[in-house]
C-alpha atoms as a PDB file:
ATOM      1  CA  UNK A   1      64.125  12.442 163.709  1.00  0.00           C
ATOM      2  CA  UNK A   2      62.807  11.486 160.270  1.00  0.00           C
ATOM      3  CA  UNK A   3      59.479  10.513 161.812  1.00  0.00           C
ATOM      4  CA  UNK A   4      59.217  13.853 163.568  1.00  0.00           C
ATOM      5  CA  UNK A   5      59.991  15.671 160.331  1.00  0.00           C
ATOM      6  CA  UNK A   6      57.262  13.658 158.634  1.00  0.00           C
ATOM      7  CA  UNK A   7      54.708  14.320 161.351  1.00  0.00           C
ATOM      8  CA  UNK A   8      55.595  18.008 161.332  1.00  0.00           C
ATOM      9  CA  UNK A   9      55.157  18.062 157.563  1.00  0.00           C
ATOM     10  CA  UNK A  10      51.767  16.377 157.786  1.00  0.00           C
ATOM     11  CA  UNK A  11      50.713  18.742 160.549  1.00  0.00           C
ATOM     12  CA  UNK A  12      51.827  21.827 158.636  1.00  0.00           C
ATOM     13  CA  UNK A  13      50.195  20.522 155.446  1.00  0.00           C
ATOM     14  CA  UNK A  14      46.960  20.024 157.363  1.00  0.00           C
ATOM     15  CA  UNK A  15      47.134  23.561 158.731  1.00  0.00           C
ATOM     16  CA  UNK A  16      47.866  24.898 155.249  1.00  0.00           C
ATOM     17  CA  UNK A  17      44.976  22.922 153.760  1.00  0.00           C
ATOM     18  CA  UNK A  18      42.603  24.147 156.470  1.00  0.00           C
ATOM     19  CA  UNK A  19      43.785  27.688 155.886  1.00  0.00           C
ATOM     20  CA  UNK A  20      43.197  27.369 152.138  1.00  0.00           C
ATOM     21  CA  UNK A  21      39.755  25.888 152.736  1.00  0.00           C
ATOM     22  CA  UNK A  22      38.821  28.799 155.000  1.00  0.00           C
ATOM     23  CA  UNK A  23      40.208  31.211 152.453  1.00  0.00           C
ATOM     24  CA  UNK A  24      38.194  29.556 149.651  1.00  0.00           C
ATOM     25  CA  UNK A  25      35.044  29.632 151.772  1.00  0.00           C
ATOM     26  CA  UNK A  26      35.533  33.315 152.590  1.00  0.00           C
ATOM     27  CA  UNK A  27      36.097  34.085 148.900  1.00  0.00           C
ATOM     28  CA  UNK A  28      32.879  32.290 147.978  1.00  0.00           C
ATOM     29  CA  UNK A  29      30.929  34.091 150.702  1.00  0.00           C
ATOM     30  CA  UNK A  30      32.378  37.372 149.470  1.00  0.00           C
ATOM     31  CA  UNK A  31      31.383  36.497 145.905  1.00  0.00           C
ATOM     32  CA  UNK A  32      27.891  35.717 147.163  1.00  0.00           C
ATOM     33  CA  UNK A  33      27.622  39.197 148.639  1.00  0.00           C
ATOM     34  CA  UNK A  34      28.921  40.764 145.417  1.00  0.00           C
ATOM     35  CA  UNK A  35      26.406  38.664 143.503  1.00  0.00           C
ATOM     36  CA  UNK A  36      23.550  40.161 145.523  1.00  0.00           C
ATOM     37  CA  UNK A  37      24.756  43.646 144.583  1.00  0.00           C
ATOM     38  CA  UNK A  38      24.887  42.654 140.902  1.00  0.00           C
ATOM     39  CA  UNK A  39      21.346  41.310 141.142  1.00  0.00           C
ATOM     40  CA  UNK A  40      20.174  44.576 142.647  1.00  0.00           C
ATOM     41  CA  UNK A  41      21.896  46.516 139.847  1.00  0.00           C
ATOM     42  CA  UNK A  42      20.415  44.487 136.985  1.00  0.00           C
ATOM     43  CA  UNK A  43      16.925  44.647 138.498  1.00  0.00           C
ATOM     44  CA  UNK A  44      17.289  48.418 138.773  1.00  0.00           C
ATOM     45  CA  UNK A  45      18.468  48.609 135.158  1.00  0.00           C
ATOM     46  CA  UNK A  46      15.469  46.561 134.037  1.00  0.00           C
ATOM     47  CA  UNK A  47      13.069  48.672 136.109  1.00  0.00           C
ATOM     48  CA  UNK A  48      14.460  52.006 134.919  1.00  0.00           C
ATOM     49  CA  UNK A  49      15.368  51.244 131.307  1.00  0.00           C
ATOM     50  CA  UNK A  50      12.969  48.518 130.243  1.00  0.00           C
ATOM     51  CA  UNK A  51      12.323  48.615 127.314  1.00  0.00           C
ATOM     52  CA  UNK A  52       8.615  48.856 128.118  1.00  0.00           C
ATOM     53  CA  UNK A  53       7.004  51.691 126.172  1.00  0.00           C
ATOM     54  CA  UNK A  54       6.193  52.509 122.542  1.00  0.00           C
ATOM     55  CA  UNK A  55       8.725  55.350 122.627  1.00  0.00           C
ATOM     56  CA  UNK A  56      11.381  52.678 121.980  1.00  0.00           C
ATOM     57  CA  UNK A  57      12.120  51.637 118.405  1.00  0.00           C
ATOM     58  CA  UNK A  58      12.138  47.884 117.851  1.00  0.00           C
ATOM     59  CA  UNK A  59      15.830  47.671 116.911  1.00  0.00           C
ATOM     60  CA  UNK A  60      16.836  49.735 119.957  1.00  0.00           C
ATOM     61  CA  UNK A  61      14.651  47.560 122.194  1.00  0.00           C
ATOM     62  CA  UNK A  62      16.332  44.387 120.926  1.00  0.00           C
ATOM     63  CA  UNK A  63      19.796  45.838 121.625  1.00  0.00           C
ATOM     64  CA  UNK A  64      18.754  46.674 125.203  1.00  0.00           C
ATOM     65  CA  UNK A  65      17.176  43.248 125.731  1.00  0.00           C
ATOM     66  CA  UNK A  66      20.183  41.410 124.287  1.00  0.00           C
ATOM     67  CA  UNK A  67      22.415  43.289 126.723  1.00  0.00           C
ATOM     68  CA  UNK A  68      20.215  42.357 129.678  1.00  0.00           C
ATOM     69  CA  UNK A  69      20.022  38.733 128.546  1.00  0.00           C
ATOM     70  CA  UNK A  70      23.816  38.517 128.347  1.00  0.00           C
ATOM     71  CA  UNK A  71      24.158  39.902 131.875  1.00  0.00           C
ATOM     72  CA  UNK A  72      21.541  37.442 133.136  1.00  0.00           C
ATOM     73  CA  UNK A  73      23.459  34.576 131.534  1.00  0.00           C
ATOM     74  CA  UNK A  74      26.730  35.642 133.184  1.00  0.00           C
ATOM     75  CA  UNK A  75      25.036  36.050 136.562  1.00  0.00           C
ATOM     76  CA  UNK A  76      23.326  32.655 136.230  1.00  0.00           C
ATOM     77  CA  UNK A  77      26.700  30.992 135.656  1.00  0.00           C
ATOM     78  CA  UNK A  78      28.154  32.833 138.633  1.00  0.00           C
ATOM     79  CA  UNK A  79      25.108  31.893 140.731  1.00  0.00           C
ATOM     80  CA  UNK A  80      25.586  28.177 140.047  1.00  0.00           C
ATOM     81  CA  UNK A  81      29.348  28.383 140.627  1.00  0.00           C
ATOM     82  CA  UNK A  82      28.928  30.030 144.037  1.00  0.00           C
ATOM     83  CA  UNK A  83      26.197  27.595 145.156  1.00  0.00           C
ATOM     84  CA  UNK A  84      28.190  24.543 144.039  1.00  0.00           C
ATOM     85  CA  UNK A  85      31.313  25.858 145.788  1.00  0.00           C
ATOM     86  CA  UNK A  86      29.565  26.525 149.094  1.00  0.00           C
ATOM     87  CA  UNK A  87      27.947  23.081 148.985  1.00  0.00           C
ATOM     88  CA  UNK A  88      31.457  21.645 149.498  1.00  0.00           C
ATOM     89  CA  UNK A  89      31.455  23.374 152.889  1.00  0.00           C
ATOM     90  CA  UNK A  90      27.942  22.118 153.668  1.00  0.00           C
ATOM     91  CA  UNK A  91      26.524  25.596 153.198  1.00  0.00           C
ATOM     92  CA  UNK A  92      23.124  25.460 151.522  1.00  0.00           C
ATOM     93  CA  UNK A  93      22.675  28.401 149.170  1.00  0.00           C
ATOM     94  CA  UNK A  94      19.627  28.238 146.867  1.00  0.00           C
ATOM     95  CA  UNK A  95      19.848  29.662 143.357  1.00  0.00           C
ATOM     96  CA  UNK A  96      18.533  33.191 142.916  1.00  0.00           C
ATOM     97  CA  UNK A  97      14.770  33.135 142.209  1.00  0.00           C
ATOM     98  CA  UNK A  98      14.761  36.807 141.233  1.00  0.00           C
ATOM     99  CA  UNK A  99      17.231  36.110 138.445  1.00  0.00           C
ATOM    100  CA  UNK A 100      15.142  33.225 137.097  1.00  0.00           C
ATOM    101  CA  UNK A 101      12.013  35.405 137.205  1.00  0.00           C
ATOM    102  CA  UNK A 102      13.798  38.223 135.397  1.00  0.00           C
ATOM    103  CA  UNK A 103      14.985  35.841 132.702  1.00  0.00           C
ATOM    104  CA  UNK A 104      11.384  34.691 132.106  1.00  0.00           C
ATOM    105  CA  UNK A 105      10.227  38.298 131.830  1.00  0.00           C
ATOM    106  CA  UNK A 106      12.961  39.119 129.341  1.00  0.00           C
ATOM    107  CA  UNK A 107      12.054  36.089 127.218  1.00  0.00           C
ATOM    108  CA  UNK A 108       8.422  37.196 127.080  1.00  0.00           C
ATOM    109  CA  UNK A 109       9.376  40.825 126.475  1.00  0.00           C
ATOM    110  CA  UNK A 110      11.536  39.774 123.511  1.00  0.00           C
ATOM    111  CA  UNK A 111       8.526  37.967 122.009  1.00  0.00           C
ATOM    112  CA  UNK A 112       6.375  41.061 122.566  1.00  0.00           C
ATOM    113  CA  UNK A 113       8.880  43.242 120.742  1.00  0.00           C
ATOM    114  CA  UNK A 114       8.892  40.769 117.851  1.00  0.00           C
ATOM    115  CA  UNK A 115       5.107  41.136 117.840  1.00  0.00           C
ATOM    116  CA  UNK A 116       5.547  44.924 117.889  1.00  0.00           C
ATOM    117  CA  UNK A 117       7.895  44.757 114.903  1.00  0.00           C
ATOM    118  CA  UNK A 118       5.389  42.662 112.950  1.00  0.00           C
ATOM    119  CA  UNK A 119       2.520  44.939 113.931  1.00  0.00           C
ATOM    120  CA  UNK A 120       4.409  48.094 112.885  1.00  0.00           C
ATOM    121  CA  UNK A 121       4.520  46.820 109.299  1.00  0.00           C
ATOM    122  CA  UNK A 122       0.831  45.850 109.241  1.00  0.00           C
ATOM    123  CA  UNK A 123      -0.273  49.076 110.967  1.00  0.00           C
ATOM    124  CA  UNK A 124       1.793  51.336 108.683  1.00  0.00           C
ATOM    125  CA  UNK A 125       0.456  49.593 105.581  1.00  0.00           C
ATOM    126  CA  UNK A 126      -3.159  50.323 106.520  1.00  0.00           C
ATOM    127  CA  UNK A 127      -2.583  53.795 107.953  1.00  0.00           C
ATOM    128  CA  UNK A 128      -1.188  54.988 104.601  1.00  0.00           C
ATOM    129  CA  UNK A 129      -3.926  53.316 102.535  1.00  0.00           C
ATOM    130  CA  UNK A 130      -6.524  55.543 100.894  1.00  0.00           C
ATOM    131  CA  UNK A 131      -9.841  55.023 102.618  1.00  0.00           C
ATOM    132  CA  UNK A 132     -11.860  54.360  99.453  1.00  0.00           C
ATOM    133  CA  UNK A 133      -9.232  51.859  98.259  1.00  0.00           C
ATOM    134  CA  UNK A 134      -9.078  49.907 101.530  1.00  0.00           C
ATOM    135  CA  UNK A 135      -9.927  46.228 101.132  1.00  0.00           C
ATOM    136  CA  UNK A 136     -11.993  45.632 104.268  1.00  0.00           C
ATOM    137  CA  UNK A 137     -11.913  41.841 103.887  1.00  0.00           C
ATOM    138  CA  UNK A 138      -8.110  41.872 103.776  1.00  0.00           C
ATOM    139  CA  UNK A 139      -7.997  44.334 106.682  1.00  0.00           C
ATOM    140  CA  UNK A 140     -10.184  42.092 108.842  1.00  0.00           C
ATOM    141  CA  UNK A 141      -8.084  39.053 107.901  1.00  0.00           C
ATOM    142  CA  UNK A 142      -4.908  40.917 108.923  1.00  0.00           C
ATOM    143  CA  UNK A 143      -6.450  41.916 112.259  1.00  0.00           C
ATOM    144  CA  UNK A 144      -7.653  38.356 112.868  1.00  0.00           C
ATOM    145  CA  UNK A 145      -4.087  37.073 112.456  1.00  0.00           C
ATOM    146  CA  UNK A 146      -2.740  39.733 114.813  1.00  0.00           C
ATOM    147  CA  UNK A 147      -5.414  38.983 117.422  1.00  0.00           C
ATOM    148  CA  UNK A 148      -4.333  35.341 117.395  1.00  0.00           C
ATOM    149  CA  UNK A 149      -0.785  36.549 118.041  1.00  0.00           C
ATOM    150  CA  UNK A 150      -2.081  38.456 121.083  1.00  0.00           C
ATOM    151  CA  UNK A 151      -3.786  35.330 122.410  1.00  0.00           C
ATOM    152  CA  UNK A 152      -0.385  33.620 122.628  1.00  0.00           C
ATOM    153  CA  UNK A 153       0.443  35.819 125.619  1.00  0.00           C
ATOM    154  CA  UNK A 154      -0.872  35.336 129.146  1.00  0.00           C
ATOM    155  CA  UNK A 155      -1.547  38.869 130.328  1.00  0.00           C
ATOM    156  CA  UNK A 156      -1.659  37.706 133.955  1.00  0.00           C
ATOM    157  CA  UNK A 157       2.054  36.922 133.707  1.00  0.00           C
ATOM    158  CA  UNK A 158       2.960  40.291 132.253  1.00  0.00           C
ATOM    159  CA  UNK A 159       4.605  43.219 133.948  1.00  0.00           C
ATOM    160  CA  UNK A 160       2.066  46.034 134.336  1.00  0.00           C
ATOM    161  CA  UNK A 161       4.631  48.457 132.876  1.00  0.00           C
ATOM    162  CA  UNK A 162       4.697  46.789 129.459  1.00  0.00           C
ATOM    163  CA  UNK A 163       2.934  49.637 127.701  1.00  0.00           C
ATOM    164  CA  UNK A 164       4.059  48.450 124.270  1.00  0.00           C
ATOM    165  CA  UNK A 165       1.771  45.398 124.521  1.00  0.00           C
ATOM    166  CA  UNK A 166      -1.156  47.489 125.764  1.00  0.00           C
ATOM    167  CA  UNK A 167      -0.763  49.847 122.800  1.00  0.00           C
ATOM    168  CA  UNK A 168      -0.520  47.016 120.253  1.00  0.00           C
ATOM    169  CA  UNK A 169      -3.652  45.394 121.668  1.00  0.00           C
ATOM    170  CA  UNK A 170      -5.562  48.695 121.645  1.00  0.00           C
ATOM    171  CA  UNK A 171      -4.553  49.511 118.068  1.00  0.00           C
ATOM    172  CA  UNK A 172      -5.441  46.046 116.750  1.00  0.00           C
ATOM    173  CA  UNK A 173      -8.841  46.082 118.436  1.00  0.00           C
ATOM    174  CA  UNK A 174      -9.524  49.636 117.213  1.00  0.00           C
ATOM    175  CA  UNK A 175      -9.487  48.417 113.608  1.00  0.00           C
ATOM    176  CA  UNK A 176     -12.903  46.820 114.128  1.00  0.00           C
ATOM    177  CA  UNK A 177     -14.257  50.318 114.699  1.00  0.00           C
ATOM    178  CA  UNK A 178     -12.116  51.672 111.855  1.00  0.00           C
ATOM    179  CA  UNK A 179     -13.371  49.140 109.307  1.00  0.00           C
ATOM    180  CA  UNK A 180     -16.977  50.006 110.212  1.00  0.00           C
ATOM    181  CA  UNK A 181     -16.218  53.715 109.798  1.00  0.00           C
ATOM    182  CA  UNK A 182     -14.592  53.118 106.399  1.00  0.00           C
ATOM    183  CA  UNK A 183     -17.651  51.165 105.263  1.00  0.00           C
ATOM    184  CA  UNK A 184     -19.869  54.108 106.250  1.00  0.00           C
ATOM    185  CA  UNK A 185     -17.748  56.805 104.599  1.00  0.00           C
ATOM    186  CA  UNK A 186     -17.255  54.737 101.430  1.00  0.00           C
ATOM    187  CA  UNK A 187     -20.985  54.207 100.990  1.00  0.00           C
ATOM    188  CA  UNK A 188     -21.972  55.056  97.407  1.00  0.00           C
ATOM    189  CA  UNK A 189     -25.207  56.609  98.585  1.00  0.00           C
ATOM    190  CA  UNK A 190     -23.276  59.593  99.978  1.00  0.00           C
ATOM    191  CA  UNK A 191     -23.415  62.744  97.847  1.00  0.00           C
ATOM    192  CA  UNK A 192     -21.771  66.159  98.312  1.00  0.00           C
ATOM    193  CA  UNK A 193     -24.654  67.453 100.438  1.00  0.00           C
ATOM    194  CA  UNK A 194     -24.320  64.455 102.713  1.00  0.00           C
ATOM    195  CA  UNK A 195     -20.600  65.164 103.130  1.00  0.00           C
ATOM    196  CA  UNK A 196     -21.482  68.729 104.093  1.00  0.00           C
ATOM    197  CA  UNK A 197     -23.580  67.332 106.959  1.00  0.00           C
ATOM    198  CA  UNK A 198     -20.848  64.879 107.951  1.00  0.00           C
ATOM    199  CA  UNK A 199     -18.298  67.692 108.108  1.00  0.00           C
ATOM    200  CA  UNK A 200     -20.677  69.630 110.348  1.00  0.00           C
ATOM    201  CA  UNK A 201     -20.610  66.716 112.792  1.00  0.00           C
ATOM    202  CA  UNK A 202     -16.814  66.623 112.595  1.00  0.00           C
ATOM    203  CA  UNK A 203     -16.479  70.362 113.284  1.00  0.00           C
ATOM    204  CA  UNK A 204     -18.747  69.988 116.318  1.00  0.00           C
ATOM    205  CA  UNK A 205     -16.696  67.071 117.650  1.00  0.00           C
ATOM    206  CA  UNK A 206     -13.306  68.495 116.657  1.00  0.00           C
ATOM    207  CA  UNK A 207     -13.233  72.289 117.159  1.00  0.00           C
ATOM    208  CA  UNK A 208      -9.773  72.546 115.584  1.00  0.00           C
ATOM    209  CA  UNK A 209     -11.154  71.213 112.318  1.00  0.00           C
ATOM    210  CA  UNK A 210     -12.543  74.147 110.324  1.00  0.00           C
ATOM    211  CA  UNK A 211     -12.683  72.779 106.774  1.00  0.00           C
ATOM    212  CA  UNK A 212     -16.016  73.143 104.955  1.00  0.00           C
ATOM    213  CA  UNK A 213     -15.108  70.733 102.140  1.00  0.00           C
ATOM    214  CA  UNK A 214     -12.822  67.739 101.744  1.00  0.00           C
ATOM    215  CA  UNK A 215     -11.368  65.598  98.971  1.00  0.00           C
ATOM    216  CA  UNK A 216     -12.789  62.186  99.833  1.00  0.00           C
ATOM    217  CA  UNK A 217     -10.378  60.419  97.461  1.00  0.00           C
ATOM    218  CA  UNK A 218      -7.404  61.842  99.376  1.00  0.00           C
ATOM    219  CA  UNK A 219      -8.486  60.629 102.822  1.00  0.00           C
ATOM    220  CA  UNK A 220      -6.232  57.913 104.249  1.00  0.00           C
ATOM    221  CA  UNK A 221      -7.097  55.507 107.047  1.00  0.00           C
ATOM    222  CA  UNK A 222      -4.732  57.496 109.264  1.00  0.00           C
ATOM    223  CA  UNK A 223      -6.704  60.678 108.539  1.00  0.00           C
ATOM    224  CA  UNK A 224      -9.905  59.245 109.978  1.00  0.00           C
ATOM    225  CA  UNK A 225      -8.682  59.760 113.545  1.00  0.00           C
ATOM    226  CA  UNK A 226      -6.630  62.869 112.792  1.00  0.00           C
ATOM    227  CA  UNK A 227      -9.597  64.699 111.254  1.00  0.00           C
ATOM    228  CA  UNK A 228     -12.026  63.347 113.855  1.00  0.00           C
ATOM    229  CA  UNK A 229     -14.464  61.125 111.935  1.00  0.00           C
ATOM    230  CA  UNK A 230     -14.111  58.496 114.662  1.00  0.00           C
ATOM    231  CA  UNK A 231     -15.611  60.920 117.192  1.00  0.00           C
ATOM    232  CA  UNK A 232     -18.957  61.289 115.415  1.00  0.00           C
ATOM    233  CA  UNK A 233     -19.858  57.796 114.171  1.00  0.00           C
ATOM    234  CA  UNK A 234     -23.524  57.966 115.350  1.00  0.00           C
ATOM    235  CA  UNK A 235     -24.022  61.152 113.319  1.00  0.00           C
ATOM    236  CA  UNK A 236     -22.362  59.621 110.257  1.00  0.00           C
ATOM    237  CA  UNK A 237     -24.566  56.534 110.576  1.00  0.00           C
ATOM    238  CA  UNK A 238     -27.622  58.822 110.576  1.00  0.00           C
ATOM    239  CA  UNK A 239     -26.436  60.626 107.440  1.00  0.00           C
ATOM    240  CA  UNK A 240     -25.817  57.337 105.613  1.00  0.00           C
ATOM    241  CA  UNK A 241     -29.277  56.043 106.580  1.00  0.00           C
ATOM    242  CA  UNK A 242     -30.837  59.268 105.317  1.00  0.00           C
ATOM    243  CA  UNK A 243     -28.872  58.981 102.074  1.00  0.00           C
ATOM    244  CA  UNK A 244     -30.260  55.487 101.494  1.00  0.00           C
ATOM    245  CA  UNK A 245     -33.818  56.630 102.234  1.00  0.00           C
ATOM    246  CA  UNK A 246     -33.403  59.483  99.749  1.00  0.00           C
ATOM    247  CA  UNK A 247     -32.319  57.007  97.084  1.00  0.00           C
ATOM    248  CA  UNK A 248     -35.297  54.756  97.885  1.00  0.00           C
ATOM    249  CA  UNK A 249     -37.652  57.743  97.528  1.00  0.00           C
ATOM    250  CA  UNK A 250     -35.971  58.811  94.272  1.00  0.00           C
ATOM    251  CA  UNK A 251     -36.318  55.264  92.924  1.00  0.00           C
ATOM    252  CA  UNK A 252     -39.991  55.181  93.895  1.00  0.00           C
ATOM    253  CA  UNK A 253     -40.586  58.572  92.245  1.00  0.00           C
ATOM    254  CA  UNK A 254     -38.729  57.378  89.141  1.00  0.00           C
ATOM    255  CA  UNK A 255     -40.839  54.237  89.013  1.00  0.00           C
ATOM    256  CA  UNK A 256     -43.970  56.304  89.549  1.00  0.00           C
ATOM    257  CA  UNK A 257     -43.001  58.714  86.780  1.00  0.00           C
ATOM    258  CA  UNK A 258     -42.275  55.802  84.447  1.00  0.00           C
ATOM    259  CA  UNK A 259     -45.633  54.238  85.329  1.00  0.00           C
ATOM    260  CA  UNK A 260     -47.460  57.515  84.648  1.00  0.00           C
ATOM    261  CA  UNK A 261     -45.620  57.905  81.363  1.00  0.00           C
ATOM    262  CA  UNK A 262     -46.536  54.356  80.316  1.00  0.00           C
ATOM    263  CA  UNK A 263     -50.163  54.945  81.272  1.00  0.00           C
ATOM    264  CA  UNK A 264     -50.205  58.149  79.222  1.00  0.00           C
ATOM    265  CA  UNK A 265     -48.729  56.359  76.237  1.00  0.00           C
ATOM    266  CA  UNK A 266     -51.343  53.615  76.503  1.00  0.00           C
ATOM    267  CA  UNK A 267     -54.102  56.231  76.748  1.00  0.00           C
ATOM    268  CA  UNK A 268     -52.778  58.069  73.705  1.00  0.00           C
ATOM    269  CA  UNK A 269     -52.581  54.832  71.716  1.00  0.00           C
ATOM    270  CA  UNK A 270     -56.128  53.870  72.672  1.00  0.00           C
ATOM    271  CA  UNK A 271     -57.420  57.317  71.711  1.00  0.00           C
ATOM    272  CA  UNK A 272     -55.659  57.161  68.385  1.00  0.00           C
ATOM    273  CA  UNK A 273     -57.071  53.722  67.808  1.00  0.00           C
END
């Protein structure tokens, strides 16, 4: 009788254990299905919300990215837990590749937004600088540093929707053109009449610009594009070249006049002698 009770107990315990194992396996399989839904949701959130574009402020972008990173971390832990649990039942479940790929994208996107934050400070500094006070050597040095920052990123690994990086790159590279334009407009050979001709070029290129005179000392780097100087660089180059030729001619005439005057003085002295 005791033996039968023991064998019944062992049998019932075995059935209970098997039942619990099946229950645990079903729970893990159910969690795996839920996990797939969570993956779909976070990928949709990333696709819809980003942050990808320059319309985001840096601090807002970091809040969004921190939230996504936290969700990725929780899902990664859940992913490992489910895979390890199913391995007990000889069920091979690989870790989610999409989650790992998303995590890599978020890491790179965080670095890009740090770059954006740094660039905002540099860009704002120069945009508000008066054109004639702009130190072009310092500007070029600043742009050189920022270009090296850009080179840290492999664009082939980037998401094509990351407009913020595209804008930063475009703005940094545009300063080469801007520094050349500043050098032209700050040329000391330019006189009021030359500025009249430059403004004619601007009015032709920018119909909304109707000014016939401008305070050169008040022009900021930001104004160069707003007013439209960047749209008529060939014309400005021509005006500057003409201004230099005029100065050369004036210098030659001045030298000639001085030479004539000296010759006259020598003649007068000789006659008096």
